[in-house]
Amino acid sequence: MHTDPIADYLTRIRNGIRAGHDEVEIPFSNLKLELSRILKEQGYIKDFSRKPARVGELINVELKYTKDRQPVILGIERVSRPGRRRYVNHENVPRVDGGTGTAIVSTSVGVMTGHEARSKGVGGEVVAYVW
């Protein structure tokens, strides 16, 4: 059986929002920590923190809602999967939802938004879309 920890990360956030939770716990990895950093910088989540668990570590993600309890993240989708990787050069980095969403790209110089990748002139693997 093959597993996809990034898809698990995105699904935990999606399920937490649908259930109306204030926070979700996700098993730690450096890539998931970088995804959380980008989501916070772009204003999709309140905050995230790293904390010890019985085995290993966890990332505690605080979900963000509007005043009338509507989620800030309307959609979150895995793009490049283990069975079908999606790579782009800096000219073809996708715009999500006409530029209102965010593409998360894993490049040779780190994980960044699609906008940052275009401006720095680097391509890489398109990890996820968030809108």
C-alpha atoms as a PDB file:
ATOM      1  CA  MET A   1       0.000   0.000   0.000  1.00  0.00           C
ATOM      2  CA  HIS A   2       1.298   3.435  -0.956  1.00  0.00           C
ATOM      3  CA  THR A   3       0.625   6.473   1.152  1.00  0.00           C
ATOM      4  CA  ASP A   4       0.654  10.161   0.336  1.00  0.00           C
ATOM      5  CA  PRO A   5       1.396  12.220   3.464  1.00  0.00           C
ATOM      6  CA  ILE A   6       0.736  15.545   1.690  1.00  0.00           C
ATOM      7  CA  ALA A   7      -2.715  14.407   0.571  1.00  0.00           C
ATOM      8  CA  ASP A   8      -3.316  13.309   4.186  1.00  0.00           C
ATOM      9  CA  TYR A   9      -2.252  16.793   5.395  1.00  0.00           C
ATOM     10  CA  LEU A  10      -4.641  18.523   2.989  1.00  0.00           C
ATOM     11  CA  THR A  11      -7.480  16.114   3.810  1.00  0.00           C
ATOM     12  CA  ARG A  12      -7.093  16.687   7.556  1.00  0.00           C
ATOM     13  CA  ILE A  13      -7.380  20.451   6.999  1.00  0.00           C
ATOM     14  CA  ARG A  14     -10.360  20.002   4.639  1.00  0.00           C
ATOM     15  CA  ASN A  15     -12.142  17.681   7.084  1.00  0.00           C
ATOM     16  CA  GLY A  16     -11.395  19.977  10.046  1.00  0.00           C
ATOM     17  CA  ILE A  17     -12.977  22.905   8.211  1.00  0.00           C
ATOM     18  CA  ARG A  18     -16.041  20.898   7.193  1.00  0.00           C
ATOM     19  CA  ALA A  19     -16.499  19.715  10.787  1.00  0.00           C
ATOM     20  CA  GLY A  20     -16.067  23.270  12.108  1.00  0.00           C
ATOM     21  CA  HIS A  21     -13.038  22.472  14.262  1.00  0.00           C
ATOM     22  CA  ASP A  22     -10.816  25.284  15.530  1.00  0.00           C
ATOM     23  CA  GLU A  23      -7.615  23.266  15.136  1.00  0.00           C
ATOM     24  CA  VAL A  24      -6.299  20.027  13.662  1.00  0.00           C
ATOM     25  CA  GLU A  25      -3.234  17.933  14.518  1.00  0.00           C
ATOM     26  CA  ILE A  26      -1.049  16.589  11.742  1.00  0.00           C
ATOM     27  CA  PRO A  27       2.012  14.298  11.952  1.00  0.00           C
ATOM     28  CA  PHE A  28       5.203  16.338  11.518  1.00  0.00           C
ATOM     29  CA  SER A  29       7.402  16.591   8.445  1.00  0.00           C
ATOM     30  CA  ASN A  30       9.479  19.500   7.156  1.00  0.00           C
ATOM     31  CA  LEU A  31       7.415  19.777   3.959  1.00  0.00           C
ATOM     32  CA  LYS A  32       4.159  19.930   5.953  1.00  0.00           C
ATOM     33  CA  LEU A  33       5.720  22.615   8.169  1.00  0.00           C
ATOM     34  CA  GLU A  34       6.575  24.655   5.052  1.00  0.00           C
ATOM     35  CA  LEU A  35       3.038  24.178   3.692  1.00  0.00           C
ATOM     36  CA  SER A  36       1.698  25.463   7.024  1.00  0.00           C
ATOM     37  CA  ARG A  37       4.035  28.471   6.853  1.00  0.00           C
ATOM     38  CA  ILE A  38       2.747  29.374   3.395  1.00  0.00           C
ATOM     39  CA  LEU A  39      -0.896  28.928   4.435  1.00  0.00           C
ATOM     40  CA  LYS A  40      -0.296  31.292   7.366  1.00  0.00           C
ATOM     41  CA  GLU A  41       1.586  33.875   5.275  1.00  0.00           C
ATOM     42  CA  GLN A  42      -1.232  33.881   2.714  1.00  0.00           C
ATOM     43  CA  GLY A  43      -3.861  34.291   5.459  1.00  0.00           C
ATOM     44  CA  TYR A  44      -5.594  30.910   5.074  1.00  0.00           C
ATOM     45  CA  ILE A  45      -4.915  29.729   8.650  1.00  0.00           C
ATOM     46  CA  LYS A  46      -4.524  31.600  11.967  1.00  0.00           C
ATOM     47  CA  ASP A  47      -1.356  29.938  13.162  1.00  0.00           C
ATOM     48  CA  PHE A  48       0.551  26.677  13.442  1.00  0.00           C
ATOM     49  CA  SER A  49       2.916  25.237  16.015  1.00  0.00           C
ATOM     50  CA  ARG A  50       5.173  22.235  16.390  1.00  0.00           C
ATOM     51  CA  LYS A  51       4.637  20.107  19.482  1.00  0.00           C
ATOM     52  CA  PRO A  52       5.867  16.755  20.809  1.00  0.00           C
ATOM     53  CA  ALA A  53       3.637  13.697  20.618  1.00  0.00           C
ATOM     54  CA  ARG A  54       3.817  10.232  22.160  1.00  0.00           C
ATOM     55  CA  VAL A  55       5.701   9.152  19.044  1.00  0.00           C
ATOM     56  CA  GLY A  56       7.513  11.842  17.054  1.00  0.00           C
ATOM     57  CA  GLU A  57       6.059  15.317  16.709  1.00  0.00           C
ATOM     58  CA  LEU A  58       2.828  16.968  15.572  1.00  0.00           C
ATOM     59  CA  ILE A  59       1.945  20.184  13.793  1.00  0.00           C
ATOM     60  CA  ASN A  60      -1.021  21.897  15.424  1.00  0.00           C
ATOM     61  CA  VAL A  61      -2.842  24.005  12.790  1.00  0.00           C
ATOM     62  CA  GLU A  62      -5.337  26.644  13.965  1.00  0.00           C
ATOM     63  CA  LEU A  63      -8.017  27.025  11.294  1.00  0.00           C
ATOM     64  CA  LYS A  64      -9.316  30.453  10.353  1.00  0.00           C
ATOM     65  CA  TYR A  65     -12.971  31.462   9.959  1.00  0.00           C
ATOM     66  CA  THR A  66     -14.770  34.723   9.157  1.00  0.00           C
ATOM     67  CA  LYS A  67     -16.924  36.524  11.744  1.00  0.00           C
ATOM     68  CA  ASP A  68     -20.028  34.606  10.644  1.00  0.00           C
ATOM     69  CA  ARG A  69     -18.093  31.299  10.971  1.00  0.00           C
ATOM     70  CA  GLN A  70     -17.489  30.746   7.266  1.00  0.00           C
ATOM     71  CA  PRO A  71     -14.130  29.059   6.512  1.00  0.00           C
ATOM     72  CA  VAL A  72     -11.399  31.161   4.889  1.00  0.00           C
ATOM     73  CA  ILE A  73     -10.227  28.120   2.880  1.00  0.00           C
ATOM     74  CA  LEU A  74     -12.958  27.456   0.314  1.00  0.00           C
ATOM     75  CA  GLY A  75     -11.014  24.718  -1.433  1.00  0.00           C
ATOM     76  CA  ILE A  76      -7.710  22.891  -1.109  1.00  0.00           C
ATOM     77  CA  GLU A  77      -6.549  20.378  -3.702  1.00  0.00           C
ATOM     78  CA  ARG A  78      -3.535  18.102  -4.237  1.00  0.00           C
ATOM     79  CA  VAL A  79      -2.046  18.572  -7.704  1.00  0.00           C
ATOM     80  CA  SER A  80       1.126  16.494  -7.999  1.00  0.00           C
ATOM     81  CA  ARG A  81       0.548  12.979  -6.662  1.00  0.00           C
ATOM     82  CA  PRO A  82       2.972  10.071  -6.203  1.00  0.00           C
ATOM     83  CA  GLY A  83       1.521   8.318  -9.266  1.00  0.00           C
ATOM     84  CA  ARG A  84       1.400  11.469 -11.386  1.00  0.00           C
ATOM     85  CA  ARG A  85       3.962  14.171 -10.634  1.00  0.00           C
ATOM     86  CA  ARG A  86       3.381  17.632 -12.120  1.00  0.00           C
ATOM     87  CA  TYR A  87       6.395  19.813 -12.822  1.00  0.00           C
ATOM     88  CA  VAL A  88       6.373  23.285 -14.379  1.00  0.00           C
ATOM     89  CA  ASN A  89       8.992  25.800 -15.419  1.00  0.00           C
ATOM     90  CA  HIS A  90       8.832  29.406 -14.180  1.00  0.00           C
ATOM     91  CA  GLU A  91       6.890  30.526 -17.272  1.00  0.00           C
ATOM     92  CA  ASN A  92       4.134  27.947 -16.770  1.00  0.00           C
ATOM     93  CA  VAL A  93       3.514  28.250 -13.007  1.00  0.00           C
ATOM     94  CA  PRO A  94      -0.311  28.141 -12.794  1.00  0.00           C
ATOM     95  CA  ARG A  95      -2.544  30.902 -11.473  1.00  0.00           C
ATOM     96  CA  VAL A  96      -5.299  29.604  -9.208  1.00  0.00           C
ATOM     97  CA  ASP A  97      -8.838  30.953  -9.497  1.00  0.00           C
ATOM     98  CA  GLY A  98      -7.771  33.864 -11.697  1.00  0.00           C
ATOM     99  CA  GLY A  99      -4.992  34.874  -9.307  1.00  0.00           C
ATOM    100  CA  THR A 100      -7.128  35.008  -6.151  1.00  0.00           C
ATOM    101  CA  GLY A 101      -5.983  31.557  -5.025  1.00  0.00           C
ATOM    102  CA  THR A 102      -2.507  30.236  -4.304  1.00  0.00           C
ATOM    103  CA  ALA A 103      -0.431  27.567  -6.022  1.00  0.00           C
ATOM    104  CA  ILE A 104       2.148  25.978  -3.714  1.00  0.00           C
ATOM    105  CA  VAL A 105       5.321  24.973  -5.553  1.00  0.00           C
ATOM    106  CA  SER A 106       8.260  22.935  -4.266  1.00  0.00           C
ATOM    107  CA  THR A 107      11.382  24.299  -5.968  1.00  0.00           C
ATOM    108  CA  SER A 108      15.115  23.739  -5.740  1.00  0.00           C
ATOM    109  CA  VAL A 109      15.347  26.835  -3.501  1.00  0.00           C
ATOM    110  CA  GLY A 110      12.503  25.852  -1.166  1.00  0.00           C
ATOM    111  CA  VAL A 111       8.724  25.664  -0.960  1.00  0.00           C
ATOM    112  CA  MET A 112       7.002  28.862  -2.113  1.00  0.00           C
ATOM    113  CA  THR A 113       3.856  30.268  -3.661  1.00  0.00           C
ATOM    114  CA  GLY A 114       3.404  30.277  -7.415  1.00  0.00           C
ATOM    115  CA  HIS A 115       3.708  34.067  -7.432  1.00  0.00           C
ATOM    116  CA  GLU A 116       7.094  33.926  -5.662  1.00  0.00           C
ATOM    117  CA  ALA A 117       8.304  31.180  -8.028  1.00  0.00           C
ATOM    118  CA  ARG A 118       7.363  33.272 -11.084  1.00  0.00           C
ATOM    119  CA  SER A 119       9.073  36.389  -9.715  1.00  0.00           C
ATOM    120  CA  LYS A 120      12.261  34.471  -8.775  1.00  0.00           C
ATOM    121  CA  GLY A 121      12.291  32.681 -12.123  1.00  0.00           C
ATOM    122  CA  VAL A 122      12.235  29.133 -10.734  1.00  0.00           C
ATOM    123  CA  GLY A 123      10.006  26.207 -11.546  1.00  0.00           C
ATOM    124  CA  GLY A 124       9.381  22.986  -9.683  1.00  0.00           C
ATOM    125  CA  GLU A 125       6.735  20.540  -8.554  1.00  0.00           C
ATOM    126  CA  VAL A 126       3.215  21.946  -8.110  1.00  0.00           C
ATOM    127  CA  VAL A 127       2.205  20.510  -4.725  1.00  0.00           C
ATOM    128  CA  ALA A 128      -1.276  21.986  -4.150  1.00  0.00           C
ATOM    129  CA  TYR A 129      -3.841  24.656  -4.967  1.00  0.00           C
ATOM    130  CA  VAL A 130      -5.609  26.652  -2.245  1.00  0.00           C
ATOM    131  CA  TRP A 131      -8.460  29.106  -2.744  1.00  0.00           C
END
